[in-house]
C-alpha cells in the first residue's frame, strides 16, 4: 500500500521544485512562499489520523515534528507569537465546528427520496402518527371515490402517467433503506 502522507509530501516538494525553476532563489526564501508551503503542510497534517494506517500516522507525526515545526519556527521565531497563532487557530476551529453543529444540521432525506413537502419522520411516534394520518386519508378517499393527492402540484404537473386511473394507497415520504422480508424467517 502506498503511503499517502509521503505521496502528498512528494507533491509539495514537486510544487516547490517547479517554483525553483521559475523564480529566483530569493523568492523561495521569502516569507510569502514559506507561508504557502506552511499552508500545504497544514493541509496534509489536517487529514484525520483515524483514516490513516499505522505507517501513515508515523509519517504524519515525523512530518509534523521535522518539517512543520522547523518551518513554523522560521516564520514565527517568537514563541509567544506561535502560541497566540495556535490558540487563535484552535478557537476559530472550535467556533466553526460549533456553528456547523448548531446551524448546519444534516439534510433530512437522501437523493433517492421523493420530495412531497413532508418532513421525514424520525421517531417511532412520528412514524405511527404519519401512518395513521395516511391510512385515514386513504380510507376517506376510497370511501368517497376521490383521487389521493400524491406529492406537490408541481411534481404532479411534471409527471407523465400512462393512464388516468385513480391512485389509492398509503403515501410514504421515504423509501425504506433495507428490504423487508415477508413471512417467518427460520
N, C-alpha and C. Protein backbone atom coordinates (compact mmCIF):
# COMPACT_ATOMS: atom_id res chain seq x y z
N UNK A 1 0.84 -1.19 0.00
CA UNK A 1 0.00 0.00 0.00
C UNK A 1 0.88 1.25 0.00
N UNK A 2 0.47 2.23 -0.75
CA UNK A 2 1.23 3.46 -0.89
C UNK A 2 0.98 4.36 0.33
N UNK A 3 2.04 4.91 0.86
CA UNK A 3 1.92 5.83 1.98
C UNK A 3 1.43 7.17 1.45
N UNK A 4 0.19 7.52 1.77
CA UNK A 4 -0.41 8.75 1.23
C UNK A 4 0.28 10.00 1.74
N UNK A 5 0.72 9.98 2.98
CA UNK A 5 1.38 11.16 3.56
C UNK A 5 2.67 11.47 2.80
N UNK A 6 3.46 10.42 2.55
CA UNK A 6 4.71 10.63 1.80
C UNK A 6 4.42 11.05 0.36
N UNK A 7 3.36 10.52 -0.22
CA UNK A 7 2.98 10.89 -1.58
C UNK A 7 2.59 12.37 -1.62
N UNK A 8 1.79 12.81 -0.64
CA UNK A 8 1.39 14.22 -0.60
C UNK A 8 2.58 15.13 -0.34
N UNK A 9 3.51 14.66 0.51
CA UNK A 9 4.71 15.45 0.78
C UNK A 9 5.55 15.54 -0.49
N UNK A 10 5.61 14.46 -1.26
CA UNK A 10 6.34 14.48 -2.52
C UNK A 10 5.70 15.46 -3.50
N UNK A 11 4.38 15.56 -3.49
CA UNK A 11 3.68 16.54 -4.33
C UNK A 11 4.07 17.96 -3.93
N UNK A 12 4.20 18.20 -2.63
CA UNK A 12 4.62 19.53 -2.16
C UNK A 12 6.05 19.82 -2.62
N UNK A 13 6.91 18.81 -2.55
CA UNK A 13 8.30 19.01 -2.98
C UNK A 13 8.37 19.26 -4.49
N UNK A 14 7.53 18.57 -5.27
CA UNK A 14 7.48 18.82 -6.72
C UNK A 14 6.99 20.23 -7.00
N UNK A 15 5.99 20.67 -6.23
CA UNK A 15 5.47 22.03 -6.37
C UNK A 15 6.58 23.04 -6.10
N UNK A 16 7.38 22.76 -5.07
CA UNK A 16 8.48 23.66 -4.69
C UNK A 16 9.55 23.69 -5.80
N UNK A 17 9.83 22.53 -6.39
CA UNK A 17 10.83 22.47 -7.48
C UNK A 17 10.37 23.26 -8.70
N UNK A 18 9.09 23.21 -9.02
CA UNK A 18 8.58 23.99 -10.16
C UNK A 18 8.81 25.48 -9.93
N UNK A 19 8.59 25.95 -8.69
CA UNK A 19 8.83 27.36 -8.40
C UNK A 19 10.31 27.69 -8.40
N UNK A 20 11.16 26.73 -8.04
CA UNK A 20 12.61 26.96 -8.09
C UNK A 20 13.06 27.21 -9.52
N UNK A 21 12.44 26.52 -10.47
CA UNK A 21 12.80 26.70 -11.88
C UNK A 21 12.28 28.02 -12.44
N UNK A 22 11.14 28.48 -11.93
CA UNK A 22 10.51 29.69 -12.47
C UNK A 22 11.03 30.99 -11.86
N UNK A 23 11.34 30.97 -10.57
CA UNK A 23 11.67 32.20 -9.85
C UNK A 23 13.09 32.14 -9.29
N UNK A 24 13.65 33.30 -8.95
CA UNK A 24 14.99 33.33 -8.35
C UNK A 24 14.97 32.77 -6.92
N UNK A 25 16.15 32.38 -6.41
CA UNK A 25 16.22 31.81 -5.06
C UNK A 25 15.72 32.75 -3.96
N UNK A 26 15.80 34.05 -4.20
CA UNK A 26 15.33 34.99 -3.18
C UNK A 26 13.81 34.85 -2.96
N UNK A 27 13.07 34.47 -4.01
CA UNK A 27 11.63 34.28 -3.86
C UNK A 27 11.33 33.07 -2.98
N UNK A 28 12.15 32.02 -3.10
CA UNK A 28 11.93 30.81 -2.30
C UNK A 28 12.20 31.06 -0.82
N UNK A 29 13.04 32.05 -0.52
CA UNK A 29 13.33 32.37 0.88
C UNK A 29 12.39 33.44 1.43
N UNK A 30 11.48 33.92 0.58
CA UNK A 30 10.57 34.99 1.03
C UNK A 30 9.53 34.44 2.00
N UNK A 31 8.99 35.34 2.77
CA UNK A 31 8.00 34.99 3.79
C UNK A 31 6.70 34.47 3.16
N UNK A 32 6.29 35.06 2.05
CA UNK A 32 5.04 34.65 1.41
C UNK A 32 5.13 33.22 0.86
N UNK A 33 6.28 32.85 0.30
CA UNK A 33 6.44 31.48 -0.21
C UNK A 33 6.45 30.48 0.94
N UNK A 34 7.11 30.85 2.04
CA UNK A 34 7.14 29.96 3.21
C UNK A 34 5.74 29.78 3.80
N UNK A 35 4.94 30.85 3.79
CA UNK A 35 3.57 30.74 4.28
C UNK A 35 2.75 29.81 3.40
N UNK A 36 2.97 29.88 2.09
CA UNK A 36 2.24 29.00 1.17
C UNK A 36 2.64 27.54 1.42
N UNK A 37 3.93 27.32 1.65
CA UNK A 37 4.40 25.96 1.95
C UNK A 37 3.83 25.47 3.28
N UNK A 38 3.76 26.36 4.26
CA UNK A 38 3.18 26.01 5.56
C UNK A 38 1.70 25.63 5.42
N UNK A 39 0.98 26.35 4.57
CA UNK A 39 -0.44 26.02 4.32
C UNK A 39 -0.57 24.62 3.73
N UNK A 40 0.31 24.29 2.79
CA UNK A 40 0.26 22.95 2.18
C UNK A 40 0.56 21.87 3.23
N UNK A 41 1.51 22.14 4.10
CA UNK A 41 1.82 21.18 5.17
C UNK A 41 0.64 21.04 6.13
N UNK A 42 -0.01 22.16 6.46
CA UNK A 42 -1.17 22.10 7.35
C UNK A 42 -2.28 21.27 6.74
N UNK A 43 -2.43 21.36 5.43
CA UNK A 43 -3.46 20.57 4.75
C UNK A 43 -3.16 19.08 4.87
N UNK A 44 -1.90 18.71 4.74
CA UNK A 44 -1.52 17.30 4.88
C UNK A 44 -1.73 16.84 6.31
N UNK A 45 -1.33 17.67 7.26
CA UNK A 45 -1.42 17.29 8.67
C UNK A 45 -2.86 17.32 9.19
N UNK A 46 -3.75 18.02 8.49
CA UNK A 46 -5.14 18.10 8.93
C UNK A 46 -5.93 16.84 8.59
N UNK A 47 -5.38 15.96 7.78
CA UNK A 47 -6.10 14.73 7.42
C UNK A 47 -6.30 13.91 8.69
N UNK A 48 -7.52 13.42 8.95
CA UNK A 48 -7.81 12.70 10.20
C UNK A 48 -6.95 11.45 10.36
N UNK A 49 -6.33 11.32 11.51
CA UNK A 49 -5.43 10.19 11.74
C UNK A 49 -6.17 8.87 11.87
N UNK A 50 -7.47 8.91 12.15
CA UNK A 50 -8.24 7.67 12.24
C UNK A 50 -8.34 6.98 10.89
N UNK A 51 -8.27 7.75 9.81
CA UNK A 51 -8.38 7.19 8.47
C UNK A 51 -7.04 6.73 7.91
N UNK A 52 -5.98 6.90 8.68
CA UNK A 52 -4.64 6.55 8.22
C UNK A 52 -4.20 5.21 8.79
N UNK A 53 -3.32 4.55 8.05
CA UNK A 53 -2.73 3.32 8.58
C UNK A 53 -1.66 3.70 9.61
N UNK A 54 -1.11 2.69 10.26
CA UNK A 54 -0.11 2.96 11.30
C UNK A 54 1.14 3.61 10.70
N UNK A 55 1.55 3.13 9.54
CA UNK A 55 2.72 3.69 8.87
C UNK A 55 2.47 5.14 8.46
N UNK A 56 1.27 5.42 7.98
CA UNK A 56 0.94 6.79 7.57
C UNK A 56 0.87 7.72 8.78
N UNK A 57 0.35 7.22 9.90
CA UNK A 57 0.31 8.04 11.12
C UNK A 57 1.72 8.40 11.57
N UNK A 58 2.62 7.43 11.49
CA UNK A 58 4.01 7.67 11.86
C UNK A 58 4.64 8.71 10.92
N UNK A 59 4.36 8.59 9.63
CA UNK A 59 4.89 9.56 8.67
C UNK A 59 4.33 10.95 8.93
N UNK A 60 3.05 11.02 9.28
CA UNK A 60 2.43 12.30 9.58
C UNK A 60 3.07 12.94 10.81
N UNK A 61 3.33 12.12 11.82
CA UNK A 61 3.96 12.62 13.05
C UNK A 61 5.38 13.12 12.77
N UNK A 62 6.13 12.36 11.98
CA UNK A 62 7.50 12.78 11.64
C UNK A 62 7.49 14.06 10.82
N UNK A 63 6.56 14.16 9.88
CA UNK A 63 6.45 15.36 9.06
C UNK A 63 6.14 16.58 9.93
N UNK A 64 5.28 16.39 10.92
CA UNK A 64 4.94 17.48 11.83
C UNK A 64 6.15 17.89 12.65
N UNK A 65 6.84 16.89 13.23
CA UNK A 65 7.95 17.19 14.13
C UNK A 65 9.14 17.79 13.39
N UNK A 66 9.41 17.31 12.19
CA UNK A 66 10.60 17.79 11.47
C UNK A 66 10.31 19.02 10.61
N UNK A 67 9.46 18.87 9.62
CA UNK A 67 9.28 19.92 8.63
C UNK A 67 8.39 21.06 9.11
N UNK A 68 7.24 20.71 9.66
CA UNK A 68 6.26 21.73 10.03
C UNK A 68 6.80 22.63 11.14
N UNK A 69 7.32 22.02 12.20
CA UNK A 69 7.83 22.83 13.33
C UNK A 69 9.00 23.70 12.89
N UNK A 70 9.87 23.15 12.05
CA UNK A 70 11.03 23.90 11.57
C UNK A 70 10.58 25.11 10.74
N UNK A 71 9.61 24.87 9.85
CA UNK A 71 9.11 25.95 9.00
C UNK A 71 8.35 26.99 9.83
N UNK A 72 7.58 26.52 10.80
CA UNK A 72 6.83 27.43 11.66
C UNK A 72 7.78 28.30 12.50
N UNK A 73 8.85 27.70 13.01
CA UNK A 73 9.82 28.47 13.80
C UNK A 73 10.55 29.50 12.94
N UNK A 74 10.80 29.16 11.67
CA UNK A 74 11.47 30.13 10.80
C UNK A 74 10.54 31.30 10.45
N UNK A 75 9.24 31.01 10.34
CA UNK A 75 8.28 32.08 10.03
C UNK A 75 7.95 32.92 11.26
N UNK A 76 7.76 32.25 12.39
CA UNK A 76 7.37 32.93 13.63
C UNK A 76 8.39 32.58 14.72
N UNK A 77 9.51 33.30 14.78
CA UNK A 77 10.57 32.96 15.74
C UNK A 77 10.18 33.21 17.20
N UNK A 78 9.26 34.12 17.45
CA UNK A 78 8.86 34.43 18.81
C UNK A 78 7.88 33.35 19.30
N UNK A 79 8.21 32.66 20.42
CA UNK A 79 7.32 31.59 20.90
C UNK A 79 5.94 32.10 21.34
N UNK A 80 5.87 33.33 21.81
CA UNK A 80 4.57 33.88 22.22
C UNK A 80 3.68 34.11 20.99
N UNK A 81 4.29 34.53 19.89
CA UNK A 81 3.53 34.72 18.65
C UNK A 81 3.02 33.37 18.15
N UNK A 82 3.87 32.34 18.22
CA UNK A 82 3.43 30.99 17.81
C UNK A 82 2.29 30.50 18.69
N UNK A 83 2.41 30.73 20.00
CA UNK A 83 1.35 30.31 20.92
C UNK A 83 0.04 31.04 20.62
N UNK A 84 0.12 32.35 20.38
CA UNK A 84 -1.09 33.12 20.06
C UNK A 84 -1.69 32.66 18.73
N UNK A 85 -0.84 32.38 17.76
CA UNK A 85 -1.32 31.90 16.46
C UNK A 85 -2.04 30.56 16.60
N UNK A 86 -1.43 29.64 17.33
CA UNK A 86 -2.03 28.32 17.52
C UNK A 86 -3.32 28.40 18.33
N UNK A 87 -3.35 29.27 19.34
CA UNK A 87 -4.57 29.45 20.14
C UNK A 87 -5.68 30.05 19.28
N UNK A 88 -5.32 30.97 18.42
CA UNK A 88 -6.31 31.56 17.51
C UNK A 88 -6.86 30.54 16.53
N UNK A 89 -5.97 29.70 15.99
CA UNK A 89 -6.43 28.64 15.07
C UNK A 89 -7.36 27.67 15.79
N UNK A 90 -7.01 27.31 17.02
CA UNK A 90 -7.83 26.38 17.79
C UNK A 90 -9.21 26.97 18.09
N UNK A 91 -9.24 28.23 18.52
CA UNK A 91 -10.53 28.84 18.85
C UNK A 91 -11.39 29.01 17.60
N UNK A 92 -10.77 29.37 16.47
CA UNK A 92 -11.53 29.51 15.23
C UNK A 92 -12.10 28.17 14.78
N UNK A 93 -11.32 27.11 14.91
CA UNK A 93 -11.80 25.77 14.55
C UNK A 93 -12.94 25.34 15.45
N UNK A 94 -12.82 25.62 16.74
CA UNK A 94 -13.89 25.25 17.68
C UNK A 94 -15.17 26.02 17.38
N UNK A 95 -15.05 27.31 17.07
CA UNK A 95 -16.23 28.11 16.72
C UNK A 95 -16.88 27.61 15.43
N UNK A 96 -16.05 27.29 14.45
CA UNK A 96 -16.57 26.80 13.18
C UNK A 96 -17.30 25.47 13.37
N UNK A 97 -16.71 24.58 14.18
CA UNK A 97 -17.34 23.29 14.47
C UNK A 97 -18.67 23.49 15.18
N UNK A 98 -18.69 24.39 16.18
CA UNK A 98 -19.93 24.66 16.92
C UNK A 98 -21.00 25.24 16.01
N UNK A 99 -20.62 26.16 15.17
CA UNK A 99 -21.57 26.77 14.23
C UNK A 99 -22.17 25.71 13.31
N UNK A 100 -21.32 24.83 12.79
CA UNK A 100 -21.81 23.78 11.90
C UNK A 100 -22.73 22.81 12.62
N UNK A 101 -22.43 22.50 13.88
CA UNK A 101 -23.28 21.59 14.64
C UNK A 101 -24.65 22.22 14.93
N UNK A 102 -24.66 23.52 15.21
CA UNK A 102 -25.91 24.17 15.60
C UNK A 102 -26.76 24.55 14.38
N UNK A 103 -26.16 25.21 13.41
CA UNK A 103 -26.94 25.79 12.32
C UNK A 103 -26.99 24.96 11.05
N UNK A 104 -26.01 24.16 10.79
CA UNK A 104 -26.00 23.38 9.55
C UNK A 104 -26.17 21.91 9.88
N UNK A 105 -27.40 21.54 10.21
CA UNK A 105 -27.66 20.15 10.52
C UNK A 105 -27.79 19.37 9.23
N UNK A 106 -27.64 18.06 9.34
CA UNK A 106 -27.68 17.20 8.18
C UNK A 106 -29.03 17.31 7.48
N UNK A 107 -29.02 17.20 6.16
CA UNK A 107 -30.29 17.29 5.43
C UNK A 107 -31.20 16.12 5.79
N UNK A 108 -32.49 16.36 5.71
CA UNK A 108 -33.46 15.33 6.03
C UNK A 108 -33.77 14.57 4.75
N UNK A 109 -33.30 13.35 4.65
CA UNK A 109 -33.57 12.55 3.46
C UNK A 109 -32.33 12.29 2.66
N UNK A 110 -32.51 11.52 1.60
CA UNK A 110 -31.39 11.22 0.73
C UNK A 110 -31.75 11.58 -0.70
N UNK A 111 -30.84 11.31 -1.64
CA UNK A 111 -31.05 11.70 -3.03
C UNK A 111 -32.19 10.92 -3.68
N UNK A 112 -32.42 9.70 -3.23
CA UNK A 112 -33.45 8.86 -3.84
C UNK A 112 -34.83 9.16 -3.29
N UNK A 113 -34.91 9.99 -2.28
CA UNK A 113 -36.18 10.27 -1.63
C UNK A 113 -37.06 11.14 -2.52
N UNK A 114 -38.33 10.79 -2.60
CA UNK A 114 -39.28 11.59 -3.36
C UNK A 114 -39.74 12.72 -2.46
N UNK A 115 -39.57 13.93 -2.94
CA UNK A 115 -39.94 15.09 -2.13
C UNK A 115 -41.40 15.43 -2.36
N UNK A 116 -42.19 15.40 -1.31
CA UNK A 116 -43.58 15.83 -1.41
C UNK A 116 -43.92 16.78 -0.27
N UNK A 117 -42.96 17.63 0.05
CA UNK A 117 -43.13 18.67 1.07
C UNK A 117 -43.53 18.12 2.43
N UNK A 118 -43.11 16.94 2.76
CA UNK A 118 -43.34 16.42 4.11
C UNK A 118 -42.00 16.10 4.72
N UNK A 119 -41.91 16.29 5.99
CA UNK A 119 -40.67 16.02 6.70
C UNK A 119 -40.60 14.54 7.01
N UNK A 120 -39.42 13.97 6.86
CA UNK A 120 -39.24 12.54 7.12
C UNK A 120 -39.40 12.27 8.61
N UNK A 121 -40.29 11.36 8.99
CA UNK A 121 -40.45 11.05 10.41
C UNK A 121 -39.20 10.36 10.95
N UNK A 122 -38.79 10.75 12.14
CA UNK A 122 -37.56 10.20 12.69
C UNK A 122 -37.78 9.30 13.89
N UNK A 123 -38.81 9.54 14.66
CA UNK A 123 -39.04 8.72 15.84
C UNK A 123 -40.20 7.76 15.58
N UNK A 124 -40.32 6.76 16.43
CA UNK A 124 -41.40 5.78 16.27
C UNK A 124 -42.77 6.44 16.36
N UNK A 125 -42.92 7.35 17.30
CA UNK A 125 -44.23 8.00 17.46
C UNK A 125 -44.58 8.82 16.22
N UNK A 126 -43.58 9.49 15.61
CA UNK A 126 -43.84 10.26 14.39
C UNK A 126 -44.22 9.34 13.24
N UNK A 127 -43.58 8.18 13.14
CA UNK A 127 -43.90 7.22 12.08
C UNK A 127 -45.32 6.71 12.26
N UNK A 128 -45.67 6.33 13.50
CA UNK A 128 -47.03 5.85 13.77
C UNK A 128 -48.07 6.92 13.43
N UNK A 129 -47.79 8.15 13.86
CA UNK A 129 -48.72 9.25 13.59
C UNK A 129 -48.87 9.47 12.09
N UNK A 130 -47.76 9.44 11.37
CA UNK A 130 -47.80 9.64 9.92
C UNK A 130 -48.60 8.53 9.23
N UNK A 131 -48.36 7.28 9.63
CA UNK A 131 -49.07 6.16 9.02
C UNK A 131 -50.57 6.22 9.33
N UNK A 132 -50.92 6.60 10.55
CA UNK A 132 -52.34 6.74 10.90
C UNK A 132 -53.01 7.82 10.05
N UNK A 133 -52.33 8.96 9.86
CA UNK A 133 -52.89 10.03 9.03
C UNK A 133 -53.04 9.57 7.59
N UNK A 134 -52.02 8.89 7.07
CA UNK A 134 -52.07 8.40 5.69
C UNK A 134 -53.19 7.40 5.51
N UNK A 135 -53.34 6.50 6.48
CA UNK A 135 -54.39 5.49 6.41
C UNK A 135 -55.77 6.15 6.46
N UNK A 136 -55.90 7.17 7.29
CA UNK A 136 -57.18 7.88 7.40
C UNK A 136 -57.53 8.58 6.10
N UNK A 137 -56.55 9.26 5.48
CA UNK A 137 -56.83 9.95 4.21
C UNK A 137 -57.12 8.95 3.11
N UNK A 138 -56.47 7.79 3.13
CA UNK A 138 -56.73 6.77 2.13
C UNK A 138 -58.13 6.20 2.28
N UNK A 139 -58.54 5.94 3.52
CA UNK A 139 -59.89 5.41 3.76
C UNK A 139 -60.94 6.41 3.31
N UNK A 140 -60.70 7.70 3.58
CA UNK A 140 -61.64 8.73 3.15
C UNK A 140 -61.72 8.77 1.63
N UNK A 141 -60.57 8.68 0.97
CA UNK A 141 -60.53 8.74 -0.49
C UNK A 141 -61.22 7.53 -1.11
N UNK A 142 -61.01 6.36 -0.54
CA UNK A 142 -61.62 5.14 -1.06
C UNK A 142 -63.13 5.19 -0.85
N UNK A 143 -63.54 5.65 0.34
CA UNK A 143 -64.98 5.68 0.63
C UNK A 143 -65.71 6.73 -0.21
N UNK A 144 -65.06 7.84 -0.50
CA UNK A 144 -65.72 8.88 -1.30
C UNK A 144 -65.30 8.84 -2.76
N UNK A 145 -64.51 7.82 -3.16
CA UNK A 145 -64.06 7.63 -4.55
C UNK A 145 -63.33 8.87 -5.08
N UNK A 146 -62.48 9.47 -4.24
CA UNK A 146 -61.70 10.63 -4.65
C UNK A 146 -60.27 10.20 -4.94
N UNK A 147 -59.61 11.03 -5.70
CA UNK A 147 -58.22 10.77 -6.03
C UNK A 147 -57.34 11.26 -4.87
N UNK A 148 -56.39 10.42 -4.43
CA UNK A 148 -55.49 10.80 -3.35
C UNK A 148 -54.42 11.71 -3.92
N UNK A 149 -54.13 12.79 -3.22
CA UNK A 149 -53.10 13.73 -3.64
C UNK A 149 -51.74 13.12 -3.37
N UNK A 150 -50.97 12.91 -4.42
CA UNK A 150 -49.63 12.34 -4.28
C UNK A 150 -48.64 13.42 -4.63
N UNK A 151 -47.80 13.82 -3.70
CA UNK A 151 -46.77 14.82 -3.95
C UNK A 151 -47.36 16.22 -4.03
N UNK A 152 -46.57 17.13 -4.55
CA UNK A 152 -46.99 18.52 -4.67
C UNK A 152 -47.57 18.75 -6.06
N UNK A 153 -48.32 19.82 -6.26
CA UNK A 153 -48.86 20.11 -7.59
C UNK A 153 -47.76 20.26 -8.63
N UNK A 154 -46.61 20.82 -8.24
CA UNK A 154 -45.52 20.98 -9.19
C UNK A 154 -45.00 19.62 -9.65
N UNK A 155 -44.94 18.68 -8.74
CA UNK A 155 -44.47 17.34 -9.10
C UNK A 155 -45.49 16.65 -9.99
N UNK A 156 -46.78 16.79 -9.67
CA UNK A 156 -47.82 16.15 -10.45
C UNK A 156 -47.88 16.72 -11.86
N UNK A 157 -47.57 18.01 -12.02
CA UNK A 157 -47.61 18.63 -13.34
C UNK A 157 -46.50 18.07 -14.23
N UNK A 158 -45.36 17.73 -13.64
CA UNK A 158 -44.24 17.22 -14.41
C UNK A 158 -44.31 15.72 -14.63
N UNK A 159 -45.21 15.03 -13.94
CA UNK A 159 -45.31 13.58 -14.03
C UNK A 159 -45.97 13.17 -15.33
N UNK A 160 -45.44 12.15 -15.95
CA UNK A 160 -46.05 11.59 -17.14
C UNK A 160 -46.63 10.25 -16.73
N UNK A 161 -47.94 10.12 -16.84
CA UNK A 161 -48.59 8.88 -16.44
C UNK A 161 -49.15 8.19 -17.67
N UNK A 162 -49.18 6.87 -17.61
CA UNK A 162 -49.68 6.08 -18.73
C UNK A 162 -51.18 6.10 -18.82
N UNK A 163 -51.86 6.20 -17.71
CA UNK A 163 -53.32 6.22 -17.73
C UNK A 163 -53.82 7.15 -16.64
N UNK A 164 -55.08 7.39 -16.63
CA UNK A 164 -55.66 8.33 -15.67
C UNK A 164 -56.46 7.61 -14.59
N UNK A 165 -55.97 6.47 -14.13
CA UNK A 165 -56.66 5.74 -13.08
C UNK A 165 -56.48 6.46 -11.76
N UNK A 166 -57.46 6.26 -10.89
CA UNK A 166 -57.36 6.86 -9.56
C UNK A 166 -56.33 6.10 -8.75
N UNK A 167 -55.51 6.86 -8.05
CA UNK A 167 -54.46 6.25 -7.23
C UNK A 167 -54.92 6.24 -5.79
N UNK A 168 -54.84 5.09 -5.17
CA UNK A 168 -55.16 4.99 -3.76
C UNK A 168 -54.04 4.26 -3.08
N UNK A 169 -53.91 4.48 -1.82
CA UNK A 169 -52.88 3.79 -1.05
C UNK A 169 -52.23 4.73 -0.07
N UNK A 170 -51.35 4.18 0.72
CA UNK A 170 -50.64 4.97 1.72
C UNK A 170 -49.47 5.66 1.04
N UNK A 171 -49.37 6.95 1.22
CA UNK A 171 -48.28 7.73 0.65
C UNK A 171 -47.18 7.81 1.68
N UNK A 172 -46.02 7.24 1.37
CA UNK A 172 -44.90 7.23 2.30
C UNK A 172 -43.85 8.20 1.77
N UNK A 173 -43.37 9.16 2.58
CA UNK A 173 -42.44 10.16 2.08
C UNK A 173 -41.01 9.68 1.95
N UNK A 174 -40.73 8.47 2.28
CA UNK A 174 -39.36 7.97 2.16
C UNK A 174 -39.39 6.50 1.80
N UNK A 175 -38.31 6.07 1.16
CA UNK A 175 -38.19 4.66 0.82
C UNK A 175 -37.45 3.96 1.95
N UNK A 176 -37.85 2.75 2.30
CA UNK A 176 -37.12 2.05 3.35
C UNK A 176 -35.70 1.75 2.89
N UNK A 177 -34.76 1.85 3.81
CA UNK A 177 -33.36 1.67 3.44
C UNK A 177 -33.01 0.21 3.22
N UNK A 178 -33.68 -0.70 3.88
CA UNK A 178 -33.41 -2.13 3.73
C UNK A 178 -34.68 -2.81 3.25
N UNK A 179 -34.50 -3.89 2.51
CA UNK A 179 -35.68 -4.60 2.03
C UNK A 179 -36.35 -5.31 3.19
N UNK A 180 -37.66 -5.38 3.14
CA UNK A 180 -38.44 -6.00 4.20
C UNK A 180 -38.83 -7.39 3.73
N UNK A 181 -38.50 -8.40 4.52
CA UNK A 181 -38.85 -9.77 4.16
C UNK A 181 -40.19 -10.11 4.77
N UNK A 182 -41.04 -10.73 3.95
CA UNK A 182 -42.35 -11.15 4.43
C UNK A 182 -42.27 -12.61 4.83
N UNK A 183 -43.04 -12.96 5.83
CA UNK A 183 -43.08 -14.35 6.26
C UNK A 183 -42.21 -14.58 7.47
N UNK A 184 -42.14 -15.83 7.85
CA UNK A 184 -41.37 -16.21 9.03
C UNK A 184 -39.97 -16.61 8.58
N UNK A 185 -38.98 -16.02 9.20
CA UNK A 185 -37.60 -16.39 8.87
C UNK A 185 -37.14 -17.49 9.80
N UNK A 186 -36.47 -18.46 9.25
CA UNK A 186 -36.02 -19.60 10.05
C UNK A 186 -34.53 -19.65 10.10
